[in-house]
Protein backbone atom coordinates (compact mmCIF):
# COMPACT_ATOMS: atom_id res chain seq x y z
CA MET A 1 62.40 91.96 -55.77
CA LEU A 2 60.41 90.49 -52.95
CA SER A 3 58.71 87.68 -55.61
CA ARG A 4 62.20 86.95 -56.74
CA PHE A 5 63.53 86.40 -52.84
CA PHE A 6 60.43 83.91 -52.37
CA THR A 7 61.46 81.60 -55.12
CA TYR A 8 64.50 80.49 -53.29
CA TYR A 9 62.05 78.93 -50.71
CA ARG A 10 60.51 76.35 -53.42
CA PRO A 11 62.91 73.63 -52.51
CA TYR A 12 62.45 74.12 -48.79
CA ARG A 13 58.51 74.34 -48.71
CA GLY A 14 58.27 71.68 -45.92
CA LEU A 15 60.74 73.07 -43.50
CA PHE A 16 59.14 76.71 -44.10
CA ILE A 17 55.85 75.35 -43.09
CA LEU A 18 57.37 73.70 -40.26
CA ASP A 19 59.38 76.81 -39.22
CA PHE A 20 56.04 79.12 -40.05
CA THR A 21 53.47 76.76 -38.13
CA CYS A 22 55.34 76.36 -34.80
CA ALA A 23 55.83 80.34 -35.02
CA ILE A 24 52.11 81.02 -35.08
CA LEU A 25 51.65 78.34 -32.96
CA SER A 26 53.92 79.90 -30.46
CA GLY A 27 52.65 83.32 -30.99
CA ILE A 28 49.10 82.23 -30.05
CA LEU A 29 50.17 80.45 -26.65
CA GLU A 30 51.93 84.14 -26.25
CA LEU A 31 48.45 85.79 -26.37
CA ALA A 32 46.69 83.09 -24.37
CA PHE A 33 48.95 83.90 -21.25
CA PRO A 34 47.93 87.34 -20.29
CA MET A 35 44.05 85.90 -20.11
CA ALA A 36 44.86 82.70 -18.27
CA VAL A 37 46.80 85.05 -15.65
CA LYS A 38 43.24 87.21 -15.58
CA LEU A 39 41.26 84.15 -15.09
CA PHE A 40 44.09 82.95 -12.36
CA VAL A 41 43.82 86.40 -10.79
CA ASP A 42 39.88 86.93 -10.72
CA ARG A 43 38.53 83.54 -9.97
CA LEU A 44 41.11 81.32 -8.88
CA LEU A 45 42.81 83.35 -6.36
CA PHE A 46 39.75 84.86 -4.58
CA SER A 47 38.30 81.48 -4.80
CA GLN A 48 41.07 79.87 -2.17
CA GLU A 49 40.70 76.38 -3.45
CA TRP A 50 44.39 75.50 -3.56
CA LEU A 51 43.46 71.92 -5.73
CA LEU A 52 42.55 74.15 -8.31
CA ILE A 53 45.45 76.22 -8.33
CA LEU A 54 47.58 73.63 -8.58
CA ILE A 55 46.10 71.99 -11.65
CA ALA A 56 45.64 75.49 -13.17
CA SER A 57 49.58 75.86 -12.44
CA ALA A 58 50.12 72.31 -13.90
CA ALA A 59 48.23 72.95 -16.84
CA LEU A 60 50.22 76.03 -17.47
CA LEU A 61 52.94 74.63 -17.16
CA VAL A 62 52.26 72.30 -19.81
CA VAL A 63 51.71 75.09 -21.89
CA TYR A 64 55.11 76.33 -21.18
CA ALA A 65 56.63 73.17 -22.09
CA ILE A 66 54.57 72.92 -25.30
CA ASN A 67 55.74 76.43 -25.87
CA THR A 68 59.71 75.42 -25.52
CA GLY A 69 59.22 72.75 -27.90
CA LEU A 70 58.20 75.42 -30.46
CA MET A 71 60.44 77.54 -30.00
CA ILE A 72 63.44 75.18 -30.34
CA VAL A 73 61.68 74.25 -33.65
CA VAL A 74 61.55 77.87 -34.94
CA THR A 75 65.28 78.53 -33.55
CA TYR A 76 67.01 75.56 -35.04
CA TRP A 77 64.92 74.30 -37.78
CA GLY A 78 64.14 78.02 -38.74
CA HIS A 79 67.64 79.10 -38.99
CA MET A 80 68.38 75.87 -40.70
CA LEU A 81 66.08 76.99 -43.70
CA GLY A 82 67.76 80.61 -43.68
CA ILE A 83 71.00 78.59 -43.94
CA ASN A 84 70.05 76.73 -46.56
CA ILE A 85 68.47 79.61 -48.84
CA GLU A 86 72.01 81.53 -48.10
CA THR A 87 74.10 78.18 -49.27
CA ASP A 88 71.62 78.27 -52.60
CA MET A 89 72.66 82.10 -53.24
CA ARG A 90 76.13 81.90 -52.72
CA ARG A 91 76.39 78.50 -55.15
CA ALA A 92 74.41 80.41 -57.74
CA ALA A 93 76.73 83.45 -57.02
CA PHE A 94 79.89 81.54 -57.51
CA ASP A 95 78.40 79.38 -60.69
CA HIS A 96 77.64 82.70 -62.29
CA LEU A 97 81.05 83.65 -61.66
CA GLN A 98 82.44 80.72 -63.61
CA LYS A 99 80.60 81.78 -66.74
CA LEU A 100 81.78 85.52 -66.86
CA SER A 101 84.23 86.05 -69.32
CA PHE A 102 87.84 87.88 -69.14
CA SER A 103 86.45 91.06 -69.88
CA TYR A 104 84.16 91.14 -67.08
CA TYR A 105 86.91 90.50 -64.74
CA ASP A 106 89.16 92.85 -66.48
CA ASN A 107 86.97 95.40 -65.05
CA GLN A 108 86.52 94.23 -61.58
CA LYS A 109 88.12 94.06 -58.38
CA THR A 110 88.78 91.07 -56.71
CA GLY A 111 88.23 92.27 -53.18
CA HIS A 112 84.53 93.35 -54.05
CA LEU A 113 83.61 89.96 -55.82
CA VAL A 114 85.05 88.33 -52.74
CA GLY A 115 82.79 90.70 -50.48
CA ARG A 116 79.67 89.71 -52.91
CA LEU A 117 80.14 86.17 -52.11
CA THR A 118 80.90 86.45 -48.32
CA LYS A 119 79.59 89.61 -46.28
CA ASP A 120 77.07 90.62 -48.71
CA LEU A 121 75.17 87.10 -48.17
CA GLU A 122 75.75 86.96 -44.41
CA GLU A 123 72.49 88.40 -43.21
CA ILE A 124 70.59 87.05 -45.94
CA GLY A 125 69.89 84.03 -43.68
CA GLU A 126 68.47 85.66 -40.97
CA VAL A 127 66.23 87.70 -43.34
CA ALA A 128 65.08 84.68 -45.02
CA HIS A 129 64.25 83.03 -41.62
CA HIS A 130 62.87 86.09 -39.85
CA GLY A 131 61.27 87.96 -42.93
CA PRO A 132 57.68 86.61 -43.68
CA GLU A 133 57.92 84.79 -40.29
CA ASP A 134 58.20 88.18 -38.55
CA LEU A 135 56.12 89.88 -40.49
CA PHE A 136 52.71 87.37 -40.34
CA ILE A 137 53.27 87.07 -36.47
CA ALA A 138 53.47 90.85 -36.11
CA ILE A 139 50.57 91.10 -37.78
CA MET A 140 48.69 88.48 -35.89
CA THR A 141 49.86 89.25 -32.29
CA PHE A 142 48.88 93.39 -32.96
CA ALA A 143 45.44 92.11 -34.13
CA GLY A 144 45.08 89.11 -31.42
CA ALA A 145 46.49 91.37 -28.85
CA LEU A 146 43.98 94.63 -29.95
CA VAL A 147 41.30 92.47 -29.71
CA LEU A 148 41.73 90.89 -26.72
CA MET A 149 42.39 94.32 -24.97
CA PHE A 150 39.19 95.87 -26.30
CA SER A 151 37.38 92.64 -24.58
CA VAL A 152 39.14 93.38 -21.37
CA ASN A 153 38.83 97.15 -21.41
CA TRP A 154 37.73 99.20 -24.88
CA GLN A 155 38.83 102.67 -23.16
CA LEU A 156 41.97 101.51 -22.42
CA ALA A 157 42.60 99.75 -25.66
CA LEU A 158 41.31 102.61 -27.99
CA LEU A 159 44.24 104.64 -25.83
CA THR A 160 46.82 101.99 -26.84
CA ALA A 161 46.19 101.87 -30.58
CA LEU A 162 46.62 105.58 -30.85
CA ILE A 163 50.19 105.21 -30.32
CA VAL A 164 50.54 102.66 -32.98
CA PRO A 165 50.69 104.93 -35.98
CA LEU A 166 53.91 106.80 -34.51
CA THR A 167 55.62 103.81 -33.35
CA ALA A 168 55.16 102.49 -37.23
CA TRP A 169 56.12 105.66 -39.03
CA VAL A 170 59.76 105.80 -36.63
CA THR A 171 60.49 102.20 -37.54
CA SER A 172 59.53 102.58 -41.34
CA ARG A 173 61.71 106.08 -41.33
CA TYR A 174 64.78 104.86 -39.71
CA GLY A 175 64.42 101.29 -41.81
CA SER A 176 64.65 102.86 -45.07
CA ARG A 177 67.69 104.89 -43.98
CA MET A 178 69.51 101.73 -42.52
CA THR A 179 69.16 99.93 -45.68
CA ARG A 180 70.81 102.90 -48.02
CA ASN A 181 73.27 102.93 -45.22
CA PHE A 182 74.15 99.37 -45.08
CA ARG A 183 74.88 99.30 -49.22
CA ARG A 184 77.25 101.70 -48.65
CA LEU A 185 78.94 99.94 -45.99
CA PHE A 186 79.23 96.72 -48.17
CA ASP A 187 80.98 98.95 -51.07
CA ARG A 188 83.36 99.76 -48.10
CA VAL A 189 83.99 96.31 -47.21
CA GLY A 190 84.82 95.49 -51.00
CA ALA A 191 87.24 98.35 -51.03
CA PHE A 192 88.80 96.68 -47.38
CA ASN A 193 89.02 93.25 -49.03
CA THR A 194 90.55 94.63 -52.16
CA ARG A 195 93.70 96.43 -50.10
CA ILE A 196 94.11 93.36 -48.21
CA GLU A 197 94.46 91.42 -50.82
CA GLU A 198 96.93 93.75 -53.00
CA ASN A 199 98.68 94.03 -49.78
CA VAL A 200 99.01 90.14 -48.70
CA GLY A 201 99.41 89.42 -52.66
CA GLY A 202 102.10 92.05 -53.59
CA ILE A 203 104.03 91.98 -49.88
CA ARG A 204 107.27 91.27 -51.47
CA VAL A 205 107.14 93.97 -53.94
CA VAL A 206 106.13 96.46 -50.66
CA GLN A 207 108.92 95.17 -48.73
CA ALA A 208 110.91 95.40 -51.41
CA PHE A 209 110.50 99.13 -52.03
CA ALA A 210 109.79 99.56 -48.41
CA ASN A 211 106.26 101.27 -48.50
CA GLU A 212 105.18 99.48 -45.61
CA GLN A 213 104.32 103.16 -44.71
CA HIS A 214 102.80 104.01 -47.37
CA GLU A 215 100.64 100.98 -47.46
CA ARG A 216 99.50 101.62 -43.95
CA ARG A 217 98.25 104.92 -45.09
CA LEU A 218 96.09 103.54 -47.91
CA PHE A 219 94.73 100.76 -45.24
CA GLU A 220 94.04 103.50 -43.03
CA GLU A 221 91.96 105.55 -45.32
CA ASP A 222 89.77 102.54 -45.91
CA ASN A 223 89.72 101.40 -42.49
CA GLN A 224 88.51 105.46 -41.42
CA ASN A 225 85.88 105.21 -44.33
CA TYR A 226 84.24 102.06 -43.28
CA ARG A 227 84.26 103.11 -39.42
CA ARG A 228 82.60 106.49 -40.23
CA VAL A 229 79.92 104.44 -42.48
CA LYS A 230 79.41 101.91 -39.64
CA LEU A 231 79.21 104.89 -36.91
CA GLU A 232 76.36 106.05 -39.31
CA ALA A 233 74.73 103.05 -39.14
CA TYR A 234 74.84 103.07 -35.41
CA LYS A 235 73.58 106.50 -35.02
CA ILE A 236 70.57 105.69 -37.17
CA MET A 237 69.66 102.34 -34.90
CA ALA A 238 70.27 104.56 -31.58
CA ALA A 239 67.79 106.95 -32.59
CA SER A 240 65.12 104.36 -33.88
CA THR A 241 65.67 101.81 -30.68
CA SER A 242 65.46 104.92 -28.38
CA LEU A 243 62.42 106.70 -29.93
CA SER A 244 60.45 103.50 -30.20
CA TYR A 245 61.56 102.33 -26.45
CA MET A 246 60.04 105.67 -25.56
CA SER A 247 56.93 105.28 -27.12
CA MET A 248 56.32 101.79 -25.57
CA ARG A 249 57.17 102.86 -22.15
CA LEU A 250 54.92 106.19 -22.53
CA THR A 251 52.27 104.12 -23.74
CA GLN A 252 52.75 101.50 -20.57
CA MET A 253 52.65 104.63 -18.07
CA ILE A 254 49.49 105.73 -19.57
CA VAL A 255 47.69 102.38 -19.44
CA MET A 256 49.06 102.36 -15.74
CA ILE A 257 47.38 105.60 -14.64
CA GLY A 258 44.27 104.89 -17.04
CA GLY A 259 44.15 101.26 -15.67
CA ALA A 260 44.48 102.41 -12.18
CA TYR A 261 41.41 104.67 -12.26
CA PHE A 262 39.27 102.19 -13.83
CA VAL A 263 39.96 99.78 -10.95
CA LEU A 264 39.48 102.39 -8.31
CA ALA A 265 36.12 103.69 -10.38
CA GLY A 266 35.22 99.52 -10.38
CA GLU A 267 35.39 99.38 -13.99
CA LEU A 268 37.69 97.04 -14.05
CA THR A 269 39.16 93.96 -12.13
CA THR A 270 42.62 93.70 -10.36
CA GLY A 271 42.80 90.85 -12.71
CA GLY A 272 41.88 92.31 -16.02
CA PHE A 273 44.47 95.30 -15.09
CA ILE A 274 47.16 92.85 -14.86
CA SER A 275 46.27 90.65 -18.13
CA PHE A 276 45.67 94.10 -19.75
CA LEU A 277 49.30 95.35 -18.67
CA LEU A 278 50.39 92.07 -19.89
CA LEU A 279 48.79 92.45 -23.13
CA VAL A 280 50.36 95.78 -23.68
CA GLY A 281 53.56 94.01 -23.60
CA VAL A 282 52.51 91.38 -25.92
CA PHE A 283 51.17 94.05 -28.43
CA PHE A 284 54.20 95.96 -28.55
CA ARG A 285 56.79 92.93 -28.64
CA PRO A 286 56.60 92.81 -32.54
CA VAL A 287 57.74 96.55 -32.54
CA GLU A 288 60.37 95.67 -30.20
CA LYS A 289 61.32 92.45 -32.26
CA ILE A 290 61.41 94.61 -35.36
CA ASN A 291 63.61 96.98 -33.84
CA SER A 292 66.03 94.19 -32.39
CA VAL A 293 66.55 92.94 -35.99
CA ILE A 294 66.56 96.48 -37.68
CA GLU A 295 70.19 96.14 -38.12
CA THR A 296 69.88 92.54 -39.83
CA TYR A 297 66.87 93.68 -42.36
CA PRO A 298 68.53 96.30 -44.13
CA LYS A 299 71.84 94.20 -44.66
CA GLY A 300 70.02 91.70 -45.90
CA ILE A 301 68.07 93.63 -48.27
CA ALA A 302 71.34 95.58 -49.30
CA GLY A 303 73.06 92.21 -49.86
CA PHE A 304 70.12 90.50 -51.79
CA ARG A 305 70.05 93.68 -53.95
CA ARG A 306 74.14 93.32 -54.68
CA PHE A 307 73.52 89.78 -55.43
CA THR A 308 70.69 90.42 -57.81
CA GLU A 309 73.20 92.87 -59.54
CA LEU A 310 75.69 90.10 -59.75
CA VAL A 311 73.76 87.15 -61.30
CA ASP A 312 71.73 89.55 -63.26
CA THR A 313 75.20 90.43 -65.35
CA GLU A 314 74.40 88.88 -68.46
CA PRO A 315 77.59 86.52 -70.11
CA ASP A 316 79.42 88.56 -72.89
CA ILE A 317 80.04 84.98 -74.22
CA ALA A 318 77.85 81.65 -73.78
CA ASP A 319 77.00 78.70 -75.89
CA ALA A 320 75.19 78.84 -78.76
CA PRO A 321 71.25 77.04 -78.13
CA ASP A 322 72.84 74.61 -80.96
CA ALA A 323 76.33 73.79 -79.73
CA ILE A 324 78.05 70.58 -80.06
CA GLU A 325 80.11 68.71 -77.86
CA VAL A 326 83.59 68.40 -79.61
CA ASP A 327 86.51 65.45 -78.74
CA HIS A 328 89.73 64.44 -80.30
CA LEU A 329 90.32 67.51 -82.61
CA LYS A 330 93.01 67.21 -84.89
CA GLY A 331 93.86 71.36 -84.66
CA GLU A 332 93.54 72.54 -88.36
CA ILE A 333 92.78 76.26 -87.27
CA VAL A 334 91.41 79.17 -89.55
CA TYR A 335 90.71 82.56 -88.66
CA GLU A 336 88.97 84.33 -91.30
CA ASN A 337 88.90 87.97 -91.77
CA VAL A 338 88.91 88.09 -87.59
CA SER A 339 88.54 91.53 -85.94
CA PHE A 340 88.48 92.53 -82.44
CA GLY A 341 88.37 94.67 -79.88
CA TYR A 342 87.81 95.13 -76.08
CA THR A 343 85.59 97.47 -76.65
CA PRO A 344 83.61 97.75 -80.23
CA GLU A 345 84.75 101.72 -80.85
CA LYS A 346 88.60 100.83 -80.62
CA PRO A 347 89.22 97.68 -82.40
CA ILE A 348 92.94 96.52 -82.18
CA LEU A 349 92.72 93.42 -84.71
CA LEU A 350 91.44 94.08 -88.17
CA ASP A 351 90.53 91.39 -90.91
CA ILE A 352 92.90 88.80 -89.76
CA ASP A 353 93.42 85.87 -92.05
CA LEU A 354 95.49 82.84 -90.80
CA ASN A 355 95.64 79.29 -91.59
CA ILE A 356 97.31 76.79 -89.23
CA HIS A 357 97.50 73.36 -90.25
CA ALA A 358 97.38 70.56 -87.36
CA GLY A 359 100.53 69.64 -85.99
CA GLU A 360 102.09 72.75 -87.12
CA THR A 361 104.37 74.88 -84.79
CA ILE A 362 103.34 78.67 -85.13
CA ALA A 363 105.25 81.55 -83.43
CA PHE A 364 103.78 85.04 -83.12
CA VAL A 365 106.44 87.82 -82.70
CA GLY A 366 106.30 91.66 -82.62
CA PRO A 367 106.24 94.70 -80.16
CA SER A 368 104.39 94.67 -76.83
CA GLY A 369 100.71 95.60 -77.25
CA ALA A 370 100.61 94.55 -81.42
CA GLY A 371 98.18 91.71 -80.08
CA LYS A 372 99.89 88.54 -80.05
CA THR A 373 98.22 87.18 -76.99
CA THR A 374 94.77 88.62 -77.91
CA ILE A 375 95.02 86.26 -81.58
CA CYS A 376 95.82 83.39 -78.98
CA SER A 377 93.21 84.19 -76.54
CA LEU A 378 90.28 84.57 -79.10
CA LEU A 379 90.56 80.85 -79.90
CA PRO A 380 89.68 79.23 -76.58
CA ARG A 381 86.98 82.13 -76.48
CA PHE A 382 88.22 84.09 -73.81
CA TYR A 383 87.24 86.92 -75.95
CA GLU A 384 84.60 87.37 -78.35
CA ILE A 385 85.52 88.27 -81.98
CA LEU A 386 83.81 91.31 -83.17
CA ASP A 387 83.45 90.21 -87.12
CA GLY A 388 84.94 87.35 -88.83
CA ARG A 389 84.81 83.76 -87.63
CA ILE A 390 87.15 81.19 -86.13
CA THR A 391 87.54 77.47 -86.93
CA ILE A 392 89.25 74.11 -85.77
CA ASP A 393 89.11 71.22 -87.96
CA GLY A 394 86.38 72.83 -90.05
CA ILE A 395 83.95 74.06 -87.16
CA ASP A 396 83.27 77.57 -85.96
CA ILE A 397 84.29 77.86 -82.43
CA ARG A 398 81.06 79.26 -81.65
CA LYS A 399 79.27 76.24 -82.46
CA MET A 400 81.16 74.09 -79.87
CA THR A 401 80.48 74.14 -76.38
CA GLN A 402 83.13 76.62 -74.31
CA ARG A 403 83.74 73.28 -71.95
CA SER A 404 84.52 71.14 -74.63
CA LEU A 405 86.41 73.65 -76.76
CA ARG A 406 88.65 74.48 -73.79
CA GLN A 407 89.45 71.17 -73.18
CA GLN A 408 91.05 70.70 -76.66
CA ILE A 409 93.58 73.47 -75.76
CA GLY A 410 96.13 73.69 -73.14
CA ILE A 411 98.12 76.89 -72.04
CA VAL A 412 101.21 77.42 -70.65
CA GLN A 413 101.88 81.09 -69.72
CA GLN A 414 105.07 83.24 -68.40
CA ASP A 415 103.35 83.93 -65.18
CA VAL A 416 102.23 80.30 -64.24
CA PHE A 417 99.24 80.29 -61.28
CA LEU A 418 99.67 77.38 -59.09
CA PHE A 419 97.27 76.67 -56.06
CA ALA A 420 97.91 76.38 -52.45
CA GLY A 421 97.95 72.82 -52.36
CA THR A 422 100.27 70.02 -53.10
CA ILE A 423 102.28 69.32 -56.26
CA ARG A 424 100.18 66.34 -56.75
CA GLU A 425 96.93 68.42 -56.81
CA ASN A 426 98.47 71.05 -58.99
CA ILE A 427 99.27 68.51 -61.66
CA ALA A 428 96.39 66.43 -61.32
CA TYR A 429 94.39 69.72 -62.38
CA GLY A 430 95.09 69.11 -65.87
CA ARG A 431 93.03 65.81 -65.67
CA LEU A 432 90.72 65.29 -62.24
CA ALA A 433 90.44 61.73 -62.87
CA ALA A 434 93.52 60.67 -63.58
CA SER A 435 95.37 57.82 -61.96
CA GLU A 436 98.66 57.87 -59.96
CA ALA A 437 100.49 56.48 -62.74
CA ASP A 438 99.29 58.91 -64.81
CA ILE A 439 100.59 61.74 -62.52
CA LEU A 440 103.98 60.42 -62.10
CA GLU A 441 104.34 59.90 -65.76
CA ALA A 442 103.24 63.57 -66.52
CA ALA A 443 105.87 64.24 -63.76
CA ARG A 444 108.65 62.34 -65.30
CA ARG A 445 108.06 63.56 -68.96
CA ALA A 446 108.26 67.46 -67.24
CA HIS A 447 111.43 66.16 -65.82
CA LEU A 448 110.39 66.73 -62.22
CA GLU A 449 111.99 63.52 -61.06
CA ASP A 450 114.94 65.27 -59.71
CA MET A 451 113.06 68.07 -57.84
CA LEU A 452 110.60 65.64 -56.70
CA ALA A 453 113.62 63.27 -54.79
CA ALA A 454 114.88 66.03 -53.18
CA LEU A 455 111.57 67.14 -51.53
CA PRO A 456 110.75 64.91 -48.45
CA GLU A 457 107.10 64.68 -49.41
CA GLY A 458 107.75 64.45 -52.86
CA LEU A 459 104.18 64.84 -55.00
CA ASP A 460 102.69 65.59 -51.73
CA THR A 461 104.82 68.66 -50.58
CA VAL A 462 102.59 71.88 -50.14
CA ILE A 463 103.84 74.50 -52.55
CA GLY A 464 102.05 77.73 -50.69
CA GLU A 465 99.79 80.19 -52.19
CA ARG A 466 100.76 80.51 -55.91
CA GLY A 467 103.43 78.10 -55.59
CA VAL A 468 105.39 80.61 -53.31
CA LYS A 469 107.84 78.04 -52.29
CA LEU A 470 108.90 77.07 -55.66
CA SER A 471 111.42 78.39 -58.09
CA GLY A 472 110.30 80.05 -61.41
CA GLY A 473 111.54 77.04 -63.22
CA GLN A 474 110.25 74.33 -60.74
CA LYS A 475 106.96 76.42 -60.98
CA GLN A 476 106.93 75.93 -65.04
CA ARG A 477 107.57 72.31 -65.01
CA VAL A 478 104.45 71.65 -62.64
CA ALA A 479 102.70 73.68 -65.46
CA ILE A 480 103.98 71.11 -67.99
CA ALA A 481 103.25 68.33 -66.02
CA ARG A 482 99.70 69.37 -65.73
CA MET A 483 99.52 69.91 -69.68
CA PHE A 484 101.22 66.45 -70.25
CA LEU A 485 98.24 64.96 -68.07
CA LYS A 486 95.50 67.41 -70.00
CA ASN A 487 97.07 65.95 -73.26
CA PRO A 488 95.34 68.63 -75.41
CA PRO A 489 95.76 68.71 -79.61
CA ILE A 490 96.04 72.59 -79.41
CA LEU A 491 98.92 73.86 -77.37
CA ILE A 492 99.46 77.74 -76.75
CA LEU A 493 102.81 78.87 -75.21
CA ASP A 494 102.63 82.44 -73.79
CA GLU A 495 106.02 83.73 -73.47
CA ALA A 496 106.35 80.55 -71.09
CA THR A 497 110.14 80.93 -70.39
CA SER A 498 110.82 84.65 -71.10
CA ALA A 499 111.12 85.26 -66.86
CA LEU A 500 113.60 82.47 -66.36
CA ASP A 501 117.69 82.40 -66.62
CA THR A 502 119.37 81.18 -69.49
CA GLU A 503 120.12 77.54 -68.01
CA THR A 504 116.46 77.04 -66.84
CA GLU A 505 114.98 78.42 -69.96
CA ARG A 506 117.11 75.68 -72.07
CA ALA A 507 116.18 73.07 -70.21
CA ILE A 508 112.34 74.18 -70.25
CA GLN A 509 112.76 74.44 -73.73
CA ARG A 510 113.57 70.82 -74.22
CA SER A 511 110.18 70.05 -72.14
CA LEU A 512 108.12 72.17 -74.42
CA ALA A 513 109.73 70.89 -77.35
CA GLU A 514 108.66 67.70 -75.94
CA LEU A 515 105.02 68.53 -75.18
CA ALA A 516 104.81 70.07 -78.75
CA GLU A 517 105.26 66.94 -80.57
CA GLY A 518 102.33 65.95 -82.52
CA ARG A 519 100.14 68.93 -81.44
CA THR A 520 99.03 72.40 -83.13
CA THR A 521 101.26 74.79 -81.00
CA LEU A 522 101.15 78.47 -81.05
CA ILE A 523 104.03 80.08 -79.50
CA ILE A 524 104.05 83.70 -78.37
CA ALA A 525 107.87 85.15 -77.93
CA HIS A 526 109.71 88.18 -77.66
CA ARG A 527 113.19 86.23 -77.78
CA LEU A 528 113.59 85.46 -81.39
CA ALA A 529 116.45 82.72 -80.47
CA THR A 530 113.50 80.38 -78.82
CA ILE A 531 111.35 80.18 -81.97
CA GLN A 532 113.89 79.30 -84.59
CA GLY A 533 112.90 75.97 -85.12
CA ALA A 534 109.07 76.81 -85.61
CA ASP A 535 107.37 75.67 -88.51
CA ARG A 536 106.25 79.15 -89.42
CA ILE A 537 106.76 82.73 -88.04
CA VAL A 538 104.12 85.14 -87.76
CA VAL A 539 105.04 88.85 -87.39
CA ILE A 540 102.29 91.08 -85.81
CA ASP A 541 102.40 94.74 -85.32
CA GLY A 542 99.74 97.61 -85.14
CA ASN A 543 98.42 96.97 -88.57
CA GLY A 544 97.84 93.20 -88.09
CA ILE A 545 100.14 90.22 -89.54
CA VAL A 546 102.72 92.09 -91.93
CA GLU A 547 104.88 88.99 -92.67
CA GLN A 548 105.19 85.32 -92.13
CA GLY A 549 107.72 82.48 -93.25
CA THR A 550 110.44 80.31 -91.69
CA HIS A 551 113.20 81.90 -89.88
CA GLN A 552 115.64 81.63 -92.62
CA ASP A 553 112.81 83.06 -94.73
CA LEU A 554 112.14 85.78 -92.85
CA VAL A 555 115.52 86.68 -92.11
CA ALA A 556 116.90 86.71 -95.64
CA ARG A 557 114.42 89.59 -96.57
CA ALA A 558 116.38 93.11 -96.19
CA GLY A 559 114.62 95.57 -94.64
CA GLY A 560 111.39 93.43 -93.49
CA ALA A 561 109.79 93.45 -89.77
CA TYR A 562 111.26 90.29 -88.53
CA SER A 563 114.79 91.06 -90.16
CA ARG A 564 114.72 94.39 -88.40
CA LEU A 565 113.53 92.76 -84.76
CA HIS A 566 116.41 89.81 -85.21
CA ALA A 567 119.24 92.49 -86.20
CA ALA A 568 117.83 94.38 -83.41
CA GLN A 569 117.89 91.55 -80.93
CA ILE A 570 121.48 90.16 -82.11
CA GLY A 571 122.90 93.85 -81.71
CA GLY A 572 121.67 94.04 -78.16
CA ILE A 573 123.27 90.50 -77.38
CA ARG A 574 126.50 91.48 -78.57
CA GLN A 575 126.50 94.92 -76.55
CA ASP A 576 125.77 92.96 -73.67
CA ALA A 577 128.49 90.86 -74.28
CA SER A 578 131.06 93.62 -75.17
CA ALA A 579 130.07 95.44 -71.78
CA ASP A 580 130.45 91.94 -69.68
CA ASP A 581 134.15 91.86 -71.45
C-alpha cells in the first residue's frame, strides 16, 4: 500500500525535494540551538564581554530568521504538495466512476460514493505532506539529539533513552486502533450522506405522507451511531496523548533530578545542564508531533484504503483492445441469440433474435418486468450480454468504443434527468460545442418557444435541481430539444409520455414523432394507443419475444398476446368513461 501511495509523488518530485530539504535543514537548526545555548552560558556569559554576547545574539537571530523562512516553505509548499496529491486522487476516483457500468451503481448508495470522493480524501493531503517528512525528521531528530546528549553527559543520555521504548509502544498501539476506528467512521459518514440525500431529494414525498417524524428518527439513529464511533476515537486519542505526555514529563523530572546531582558533583556545567534539558525537549518533539497528528494519520490511511478499493473495482464493461471509433451509423440493428441476466445464474432474456431495419420504428410492449427496457439498455452497452451478439450496421457493438457507440444513440426517458443549471445548459448537454443558433433551433423544433417567451430569463432561466421548477411536459420538451441537438441516428423512447396528462401527451407525441423522422427508433410503451403508428410492434413476455407485426396484424390475431393486451386496455378505457358518466 505504501509503495502505491508514493507513486502519487512522481509528478511533484521537485516540490517534494524542496519541502523535504527545507524540513531537514530546519530540523538541523533546531538541534543546533541547545548546543548554542550551552556555549552561550558556559563561555560568553562568564566572559562578561558584551560585544561578543551581542555578536553571538545577532548571529543567533540570523539563524532564527533562516529557520523562519524554512518553516514558511515547509508549511505552504509542503501543504501544496499534499493538496496536489489529494486533487489527483479525487480526479482518479471520479474518472473511474465514469467507467463503471449501471450494474455497479445498481448495488451502491449515492451517499457512500459521495463520501469516498470527499470525506475519505480530506486527510490524505495532510498525510501526503507530513507522512515521509515526519518519519524521516523524527528518526533524524531522535538520533541527532541522542548523540548530542551523549556528548554532554552519557549517564543522563542513557537514562533518557530507556524511556523511548515505552513511548513508542504507546504510540503504535493506539495508532493502529485509531486506523480501524476511522474506517468505521467513514462508513458512518457514507450512511449520513445517503440519509441526507434521500431526505432532501424526496422531501415532497416525505411531506406528502407527513412522515417528517419518521425521517427524524432515522436520521437520529445515524447521527447517534456517528457520535458513538467518534467518541470512541476521542477516547483512544485521550489515552494515547495523556500517556505520552506523562512519559515525557516523567523523563524531564528524572533528568532534572539527575542533572542537578551531576552539577552539584561538578561533573556537569550549568550550560551543559540547560542545554541537556533543551535537548530532552528536542528529543521528544517528534513524539509530541506524532501524537498531535495521531488523529490525522489513521484518517488518511483509512481514506486511502477506501480510495484504493474504489479504483481497484474492475469495470465489468470495457472497450476491447481493438475497439474502433464509429460515426454516422445508419441504424441497422440485429440481436442474434442474445441472452442476459443481472446475475449469470438468473437469466431474464434467452436467445433473443430481432432484426431492425435502418429508419424503422419498433415498439416494445408487454407486462412490467418482461424485459422491454432491458432489451433497449443492452444496445448502448449499459449492461453486458451473457451470450450472443448485437450488431449495428453489421459491426458487433463490443468492437466499438463505448463513447462512439453512445454518441450514435439518443435516449428520452419517462423520468427526465435535468441538471441544476439553466435551460440553455441542459439543451447544450446534447452537444457541448453547439452554437447559439443550434441551441435555438433545437428549442424551436421541440416547440419550446412559447415556454421560453413566458420566462423572463428565457434560455438562461435556472430550473433548479432535477428541473424542479418545470412541469413534467416542460421537462420532456427540454429533453427532446437536447436530443434534437445531439441528432443521433438511433433513438430510444422509454415510456417518454406515460406520466403526462392526455393533452400534454399528445403535444409531446407530436414532438417525438418529428424527432423520430429518419431515425431508427425503439419505443417502450404501456399505452398501446401511443404506438399504433409504429412500423412494427414487438410483444415481450417472460419467455422473450412472443409475436411481432403491425398494430392491425396483431389485433387481428384472435387470442394473441397483443390482442389480449389491446382488448384489456380498451375495456379499461370504456369502464373509466362509464364511471365518469
